[in-house]
Amino acid sequence: MKKILIISLAYFPNHVGGAEVAIKEITNRITPEDIEFHMVTLALEKGLPKEEKIRNVVVHRVGFGNTGILNKFLFQFSAAWKALSLHRKNQYDAIWAMMAHSSGAPAALFKFFKPRVPYILTLQEGDPPERIERMMWPLWPLFSRAFKRADVVQAISVFLGEWARRRGFKGSLEVVPNGVDTRHFSREYPARAIDEVKDTLGKRMGDVFLITTSRLVRKNALDNVIAALPLLPENVRFIILGTGPLEAELKEQARSSKLEARTLFLGQIGHDELPKYLKACDIFIRPSRSEGMGNSFVEAMAAGLPVIATQEGGIADFLFDEKRNPDKPITGFAVDTDSPEQIAAQVKHVMEHPEKVRAVIATACAMVMEKDDWDIIAKDMRERVFMPLLERGDN
């Protein structure tokens, strides 16, 4: 049995994003008899145990139990010391840092003191690399070493893999995307269950509902969707699932544009209910300004919705447009960044070409089933990332 120590700024039960879901889904599918996973993470709220086992991961928490900036900054050092302490006790066969900007510095510190322990860096970042680099300037020497001292980099997109190379990484690079619970999102519901959601949303016969599942932050560019609504027929409305710092600003944009009746902010919807909301709507949209990959797009494809998006960052790995990617099977409808006019044009195109849209939906759904199911992703992580590195350490 091998042992891997994960370093992750956040984890279950209450602080969960795409990176944390990836850890859970991957480790759940690798038996403890094969690889035993431990984790150093930050206590982001009071009352959480210092140590507990969450499915296949033994979680060790450090920090003050709050979400403050100081707590997160000190994690860059306290996580390294905790990792070194745990290593003396457990003799890990590798360490695995989840995201360079939040866990790369402690991994680099650990690697400085334990250079013979193999080090895996996963890149899941969604913000533009330039913004991340500015943010990490106070810790630049450690941030830089987080890339250069990694033995393997696993990136969830080609875009993030190229970033690793620009940052000086010269080792083995594996592009393994995030996965999707395909059974959950492709599940067929009774018509009554979907009709209940439509009633909740106020959807009438003939309405066309755009939907997004997104953090309300600048990079997701929901302001551009709201700006596109006046260019679309009155029966087109925009359903927004998610929360974030721009919520008040986006609501004010809708109010000042007299679009309150056509924009519906529903906040956070539980994972179990999400597929029903997707299936009650007609088009998924998120015209991102930047994106590491974007699980929400792939979830929408699995749920059977046409997807309108930019091809920024990792989106270009799976969203192929008829005009922009004539050599690829068409899986979505692309727009430029910051172009409400193109958003409106693509929405109209989807509304006016139902036969073409059905074919695109079928192609996208088949792609997701073939490449993005978590069973496939976990197998790829084990066989392409973990085991080659662990077996190399045996030699």
Foldseek 3Di string as FASTA:
>chain_A
DAEEEEEDADEDDPDDDLLRVLVVLLQLLADVVRYQYEYEYEQAAPDDDQWDDDRRYIYGYDFDGHNDPVRQVCCLPVVLVVVVVVCVVVVHQAYEYEALLRGLLSQLVNCVVVVLRAYEYEHFDWDPPVVSCVVCVVVVVSSLSSLCSHQEYEACFVLVVVVSVVSPHDHHYHHFHAFDQLCLQLPDDPPVLLVVLCVVVVQDPPAAEEEEEDEPDVQQPVVLQLVLVVVADPSYAYEYEAYYDCPVVSCVSCVVVVNNVRYHYDYHDDPNCVSSNLLSHAAYETAGNTGSADVRQLSSLSNQHAYEYACHHRVVVQADDCVPCVPDQHQHHHDHPPDSPSVNVVVVVCVVCVVVSNSNSVVSNVVSVVRRHSSNSSVCCVPVPPVVSSVVSVD
